[in-house]
Amino acid sequence: MITSKLKTAVAPLNGKNYPTWKIQCRMGLMKQKLWNIVDGTEAAPGEDNNRYAQFLPRRDRTLAIIVLSVEYSPLYLVGDPEDPATVRGKLENQFQKRTWAKKQELRCIRFALQLKNSESMQEHVKAVTEILDDLSLIEDPISKQDRVVHFATRSARLVQHAGYCSSGQSGGSKDRSGP
């Protein structure tokens, strides 16, 4: 984990945790008053401006915080970085695509998610919530009402399945020799 002298921790970006990494990174940079450099609201003053010399170390520190919070495997995506906003854009384009295909992929995953035997209900709810949050991040949000319906219908199926299995009717041939 990357930590600064202000004790801000950002879990390194590994490709699977982009939504969480993005929020943590933004909050860490906001805490250090560096986020404006990334979002473009603070642009570099002209080189002839006396504030340019003060801006460069802040820009470089911002860039270092972002790049050092990326694990080795996705690091190739940033190339030889010079600008924090460019790095942010490259990572967002890779890990948070807003394409029709990405939306369809996440929707299919959402409907295919099923509670596995080795998985607790809490783990399952977390997995479904992550998919729903990913859809929201790419501007295809699922309303709170639809989330409730999704969990309610899944829960009803799980309870029905659990009752079916516990009654000894979990498949196979039934013993019909009784009364």
C-alpha atoms as a PDB file:
ATOM      1  CA  MET A   1       0.000   0.000   0.000  1.00  0.00           C
ATOM      2  CA  ILE A   2       1.105   3.512  -0.715  1.00  0.00           C
ATOM      3  CA  THR A   3       1.083   5.818   2.303  1.00  0.00           C
ATOM      4  CA  SER A   4       2.115   9.429   2.540  1.00  0.00           C
ATOM      5  CA  LYS A   5       3.293  11.390   5.534  1.00  0.00           C
ATOM      6  CA  LEU A   6      -0.391  12.253   6.047  1.00  0.00           C
ATOM      7  CA  LYS A   7      -1.179   8.548   6.510  1.00  0.00           C
ATOM      8  CA  THR A   8      -3.339   8.293   3.416  1.00  0.00           C
ATOM      9  CA  ALA A   9      -3.421   4.693   2.167  1.00  0.00           C
ATOM     10  CA  VAL A  10      -4.393   3.693  -1.342  1.00  0.00           C
ATOM     11  CA  ALA A  11      -4.683   0.018  -2.255  1.00  0.00           C
ATOM     12  CA  PRO A  12      -2.582  -0.435  -5.419  1.00  0.00           C
ATOM     13  CA  LEU A  13      -4.477  -0.631  -8.699  1.00  0.00           C
ATOM     14  CA  ASN A  14      -4.334  -4.194  -9.986  1.00  0.00           C
ATOM     15  CA  GLY A  15      -6.865  -3.998 -12.797  1.00  0.00           C
ATOM     16  CA  LYS A  16      -9.744  -5.541 -10.874  1.00  0.00           C
ATOM     17  CA  ASN A  17     -10.128  -2.872  -8.227  1.00  0.00           C
ATOM     18  CA  TYR A  18     -10.334   0.248 -10.396  1.00  0.00           C
ATOM     19  CA  PRO A  19     -13.591   1.642  -8.928  1.00  0.00           C
ATOM     20  CA  THR A  20     -12.233   1.423  -5.377  1.00  0.00           C
ATOM     21  CA  TRP A  21      -8.749   2.604  -6.370  1.00  0.00           C
ATOM     22  CA  LYS A  22     -10.199   5.590  -8.207  1.00  0.00           C
ATOM     23  CA  ILE A  23     -12.116   6.780  -5.135  1.00  0.00           C
ATOM     24  CA  GLN A  24      -9.224   6.184  -2.736  1.00  0.00           C
ATOM     25  CA  CYS A  25      -6.750   7.913  -5.013  1.00  0.00           C
ATOM     26  CA  ARG A  26      -9.030  10.914  -5.503  1.00  0.00           C
ATOM     27  CA  MET A  27      -9.659  11.239  -1.763  1.00  0.00           C
ATOM     28  CA  GLY A  28      -5.934  10.984  -0.977  1.00  0.00           C
ATOM     29  CA  LEU A  29      -5.115  13.665  -3.532  1.00  0.00           C
ATOM     30  CA  MET A  30      -7.954  15.868  -2.276  1.00  0.00           C
ATOM     31  CA  LYS A  31      -6.629  15.515   1.260  1.00  0.00           C
ATOM     32  CA  GLN A  32      -3.253  16.774   0.049  1.00  0.00           C
ATOM     33  CA  LYS A  33      -4.875  19.563  -2.012  1.00  0.00           C
ATOM     34  CA  LEU A  34      -3.578  18.069  -5.284  1.00  0.00           C
ATOM     35  CA  TRP A  35      -6.783  16.843  -6.947  1.00  0.00           C
ATOM     36  CA  ASN A  36      -7.296  20.109  -8.848  1.00  0.00           C
ATOM     37  CA  ILE A  37      -4.197  19.301 -10.876  1.00  0.00           C
ATOM     38  CA  VAL A  38      -5.701  15.975 -11.950  1.00  0.00           C
ATOM     39  CA  ASP A  39      -9.213  17.185 -12.741  1.00  0.00           C
ATOM     40  CA  GLY A  40      -7.899  20.168 -14.688  1.00  0.00           C
ATOM     41  CA  THR A  41      -9.330  22.950 -12.541  1.00  0.00           C
ATOM     42  CA  GLU A  42      -5.762  23.997 -11.746  1.00  0.00           C
ATOM     43  CA  ALA A  43      -3.771  24.367 -14.928  1.00  0.00           C
ATOM     44  CA  ALA A  44      -0.046  24.951 -15.149  1.00  0.00           C
ATOM     45  CA  PRO A  45       0.771  28.636 -15.270  1.00  0.00           C
ATOM     46  CA  GLY A  46       2.887  29.802 -18.160  1.00  0.00           C
ATOM     47  CA  GLU A  47       6.617  29.103 -17.877  1.00  0.00           C
ATOM     48  CA  ASP A  48       7.314  32.830 -17.660  1.00  0.00           C
ATOM     49  CA  ASN A  49       4.985  33.125 -14.643  1.00  0.00           C
ATOM     50  CA  ASN A  50       6.759  33.092 -11.249  1.00  0.00           C
ATOM     51  CA  ARG A  51       4.153  30.586  -9.951  1.00  0.00           C
ATOM     52  CA  TYR A  52       5.344  27.980 -12.495  1.00  0.00           C
ATOM     53  CA  ALA A  53       8.278  27.015 -10.267  1.00  0.00           C
ATOM     54  CA  GLN A  54       5.848  26.369  -7.388  1.00  0.00           C
ATOM     55  CA  PHE A  55       3.455  24.383  -9.579  1.00  0.00           C
ATOM     56  CA  LEU A  56       5.993  21.866 -10.974  1.00  0.00           C
ATOM     57  CA  PRO A  57       6.815  20.095  -7.681  1.00  0.00           C
ATOM     58  CA  ARG A  58       3.095  19.813  -6.879  1.00  0.00           C
ATOM     59  CA  ARG A  59       2.370  18.355 -10.335  1.00  0.00           C
ATOM     60  CA  ASP A  60       5.268  15.921  -9.982  1.00  0.00           C
ATOM     61  CA  ARG A  61       4.140  14.853  -6.498  1.00  0.00           C
ATOM     62  CA  THR A  62       0.617  14.278  -7.847  1.00  0.00           C
ATOM     63  CA  LEU A  63       1.971  12.194 -10.708  1.00  0.00           C
ATOM     64  CA  ALA A  64       4.175  10.171  -8.349  1.00  0.00           C
ATOM     65  CA  ILE A  65       1.275   9.425  -5.995  1.00  0.00           C
ATOM     66  CA  ILE A  66      -0.851   8.150  -8.865  1.00  0.00           C
ATOM     67  CA  VAL A  67       1.827   6.098 -10.626  1.00  0.00           C
ATOM     68  CA  LEU A  68       3.240   4.612  -7.418  1.00  0.00           C
ATOM     69  CA  SER A  69      -0.244   3.403  -6.489  1.00  0.00           C
ATOM     70  CA  VAL A  70      -0.406   1.190  -9.604  1.00  0.00           C
ATOM     71  CA  GLU A  71       0.853  -2.388  -9.411  1.00  0.00           C
ATOM     72  CA  TYR A  72       3.477  -3.577 -11.862  1.00  0.00           C
ATOM     73  CA  SER A  73       1.186  -5.453 -14.294  1.00  0.00           C
ATOM     74  CA  PRO A  74      -1.030  -2.507 -15.394  1.00  0.00           C
ATOM     75  CA  LEU A  75       1.843   0.009 -15.209  1.00  0.00           C
ATOM     76  CA  TYR A  76       2.565  -0.359 -18.933  1.00  0.00           C
ATOM     77  CA  LEU A  77      -0.679   1.507 -19.625  1.00  0.00           C
ATOM     78  CA  VAL A  78       0.682   4.821 -18.378  1.00  0.00           C
ATOM     79  CA  GLY A  79       3.815   4.735 -20.556  1.00  0.00           C
ATOM     80  CA  ASP A  80       6.346   7.406 -19.634  1.00  0.00           C
ATOM     81  CA  PRO A  81       4.035   9.694 -17.680  1.00  0.00           C
ATOM     82  CA  GLU A  82       4.452  13.442 -17.484  1.00  0.00           C
ATOM     83  CA  ASP A  83       0.951  14.658 -16.725  1.00  0.00           C
ATOM     84  CA  PRO A  84      -1.350  13.355 -13.943  1.00  0.00           C
ATOM     85  CA  ALA A  85      -4.527  14.131 -15.901  1.00  0.00           C
ATOM     86  CA  THR A  86      -3.248  12.122 -18.885  1.00  0.00           C
ATOM     87  CA  VAL A  87      -2.408   9.157 -16.638  1.00  0.00           C
ATOM     88  CA  ARG A  88      -5.874   9.324 -15.083  1.00  0.00           C
ATOM     89  CA  GLY A  89      -7.456   9.366 -18.552  1.00  0.00           C
ATOM     90  CA  LYS A  90      -5.445   6.365 -19.765  1.00  0.00           C
ATOM     91  CA  LEU A  91      -6.348   4.300 -16.712  1.00  0.00           C
ATOM     92  CA  GLU A  92     -10.007   5.297 -16.894  1.00  0.00           C
ATOM     93  CA  ASN A  93     -10.174   4.409 -20.599  1.00  0.00           C
ATOM     94  CA  GLN A  94      -8.731   0.978 -19.849  1.00  0.00           C
ATOM     95  CA  PHE A  95     -10.598   0.027 -16.689  1.00  0.00           C
ATOM     96  CA  GLN A  96     -13.847   1.974 -16.876  1.00  0.00           C
ATOM     97  CA  LYS A  97     -14.955   1.673 -20.466  1.00  0.00           C
ATOM     98  CA  ARG A  98     -18.369   3.146 -21.152  1.00  0.00           C
ATOM     99  CA  THR A  99     -19.087   1.082 -24.234  1.00  0.00           C
ATOM    100  CA  TRP A 100     -22.263  -0.768 -25.085  1.00  0.00           C
ATOM    101  CA  ALA A 101     -20.315  -4.046 -25.016  1.00  0.00           C
ATOM    102  CA  LYS A 102     -19.031  -3.368 -21.477  1.00  0.00           C
ATOM    103  CA  LYS A 103     -22.554  -2.591 -20.283  1.00  0.00           C
ATOM    104  CA  GLN A 104     -23.825  -5.843 -21.811  1.00  0.00           C
ATOM    105  CA  GLU A 105     -20.971  -7.807 -20.255  1.00  0.00           C
ATOM    106  CA  LEU A 106     -21.747  -6.463 -16.792  1.00  0.00           C
ATOM    107  CA  ARG A 107     -25.482  -7.058 -17.241  1.00  0.00           C
ATOM    108  CA  CYS A 108     -24.825 -10.676 -18.241  1.00  0.00           C
ATOM    109  CA  ILE A 109     -22.564 -11.175 -15.232  1.00  0.00           C
ATOM    110  CA  ARG A 110     -25.263  -9.663 -13.015  1.00  0.00           C
ATOM    111  CA  PHE A 111     -27.927 -12.087 -14.199  1.00  0.00           C
ATOM    112  CA  ALA A 112     -25.574 -15.074 -14.169  1.00  0.00           C
ATOM    113  CA  LEU A 113     -24.371 -14.570 -10.603  1.00  0.00           C
ATOM    114  CA  GLN A 114     -25.521 -17.406  -8.416  1.00  0.00           C
ATOM    115  CA  LEU A 115     -24.688 -18.297  -4.854  1.00  0.00           C
ATOM    116  CA  LYS A 116     -21.994 -20.960  -4.877  1.00  0.00           C
ATOM    117  CA  ASN A 117     -21.925 -23.748  -2.291  1.00  0.00           C
ATOM    118  CA  SER A 118     -18.609 -22.491  -0.892  1.00  0.00           C
ATOM    119  CA  GLU A 119     -19.810 -18.872  -0.737  1.00  0.00           C
ATOM    120  CA  SER A 120     -21.542 -17.161   2.159  1.00  0.00           C
ATOM    121  CA  MET A 121     -24.582 -14.977   1.569  1.00  0.00           C
ATOM    122  CA  GLN A 122     -22.489 -11.958   2.539  1.00  0.00           C
ATOM    123  CA  GLU A 123     -19.875 -12.786  -0.125  1.00  0.00           C
ATOM    124  CA  HIS A 124     -22.603 -13.232  -2.717  1.00  0.00           C
ATOM    125  CA  VAL A 125     -24.278  -9.932  -1.865  1.00  0.00           C
ATOM    126  CA  LYS A 126     -20.877  -8.234  -2.053  1.00  0.00           C
ATOM    127  CA  ALA A 127     -20.219  -9.711  -5.525  1.00  0.00           C
ATOM    128  CA  VAL A 128     -23.624  -8.608  -6.813  1.00  0.00           C
ATOM    129  CA  THR A 129     -23.216  -5.153  -5.273  1.00  0.00           C
ATOM    130  CA  GLU A 130     -19.825  -4.742  -6.968  1.00  0.00           C
ATOM    131  CA  ILE A 131     -21.360  -5.542 -10.365  1.00  0.00           C
ATOM    132  CA  LEU A 132     -24.224  -3.113  -9.728  1.00  0.00           C
ATOM    133  CA  ASP A 133     -21.729  -0.442  -8.673  1.00  0.00           C
ATOM    134  CA  ASP A 134     -19.633  -1.098 -11.790  1.00  0.00           C
ATOM    135  CA  LEU A 135     -22.733  -0.528 -13.903  1.00  0.00           C
ATOM    136  CA  SER A 136     -23.330   2.773 -12.098  1.00  0.00           C
ATOM    137  CA  LEU A 137     -19.746   3.854 -12.734  1.00  0.00           C
ATOM    138  CA  ILE A 138     -20.145   3.412 -16.477  1.00  0.00           C
ATOM    139  CA  GLU A 139     -23.375   5.387 -16.416  1.00  0.00           C
ATOM    140  CA  ASP A 140     -25.775   2.455 -16.555  1.00  0.00           C
ATOM    141  CA  PRO A 141     -27.109   2.586 -13.004  1.00  0.00           C
ATOM    142  CA  ILE A 142     -29.563   0.136 -11.516  1.00  0.00           C
ATOM    143  CA  SER A 143     -32.182   1.938  -9.429  1.00  0.00           C
ATOM    144  CA  LYS A 144     -32.458   1.171  -5.719  1.00  0.00           C
ATOM    145  CA  GLN A 145     -35.857  -0.361  -6.359  1.00  0.00           C
ATOM    146  CA  ASP A 146     -34.427  -2.689  -9.017  1.00  0.00           C
ATOM    147  CA  ARG A 147     -31.589  -3.642  -6.663  1.00  0.00           C
ATOM    148  CA  VAL A 148     -34.145  -4.635  -4.034  1.00  0.00           C
ATOM    149  CA  VAL A 149     -36.113  -6.641  -6.604  1.00  0.00           C
ATOM    150  CA  HIS A 150     -32.910  -8.340  -7.788  1.00  0.00           C
ATOM    151  CA  PHE A 151     -31.931  -9.386  -4.246  1.00  0.00           C
ATOM    152  CA  ALA A 152     -35.502 -10.349  -3.303  1.00  0.00           C
ATOM    153  CA  THR A 153     -35.974 -12.638  -6.293  1.00  0.00           C
ATOM    154  CA  ARG A 154     -32.537 -14.179  -5.794  1.00  0.00           C
ATOM    155  CA  SER A 155     -33.203 -14.672  -2.089  1.00  0.00           C
ATOM    156  CA  ALA A 156     -36.561 -16.289  -2.766  1.00  0.00           C
ATOM    157  CA  ARG A 157     -34.923 -18.717  -5.188  1.00  0.00           C
ATOM    158  CA  LEU A 158     -32.190 -19.487  -2.662  1.00  0.00           C
ATOM    159  CA  VAL A 159     -34.694 -20.143   0.125  1.00  0.00           C
ATOM    160  CA  GLN A 160     -36.769 -22.303  -2.207  1.00  0.00           C
ATOM    161  CA  HIS A 161     -33.647 -24.214  -3.280  1.00  0.00           C
ATOM    162  CA  ALA A 162     -32.517 -24.668   0.347  1.00  0.00           C
ATOM    163  CA  GLY A 163     -35.948 -26.060   1.300  1.00  0.00           C
ATOM    164  CA  TYR A 164     -35.923 -28.364  -1.707  1.00  0.00           C
ATOM    165  CA  CYS A 165     -32.470 -29.697  -0.831  1.00  0.00           C
ATOM    166  CA  SER A 166     -33.186 -30.127   2.871  1.00  0.00           C
ATOM    167  CA  SER A 167     -36.317 -32.159   2.147  1.00  0.00           C
ATOM    168  CA  GLY A 168     -34.188 -34.808   0.488  1.00  0.00           C
ATOM    169  CA  GLN A 169     -35.392 -33.951  -3.003  1.00  0.00           C
ATOM    170  CA  SER A 170     -32.065 -32.717  -4.283  1.00  0.00           C
ATOM    171  CA  GLY A 171     -32.164 -34.756  -7.435  1.00  0.00           C
ATOM    172  CA  GLY A 172     -31.451 -38.304  -8.402  1.00  0.00           C
ATOM    173  CA  SER A 173     -33.937 -41.099  -8.016  1.00  0.00           C
ATOM    174  CA  LYS A 174     -36.495 -41.060  -5.239  1.00  0.00           C
ATOM    175  CA  ASP A 175     -37.035 -44.052  -3.046  1.00  0.00           C
ATOM    176  CA  ARG A 176     -40.574 -45.086  -3.883  1.00  0.00           C
ATOM    177  CA  SER A 177     -40.627 -48.204  -1.703  1.00  0.00           C
ATOM    178  CA  GLY A 178     -42.384 -46.498   1.219  1.00  0.00           C
ATOM    179  CA  PRO A 179     -46.119 -46.302   1.954  1.00  0.00           C
END
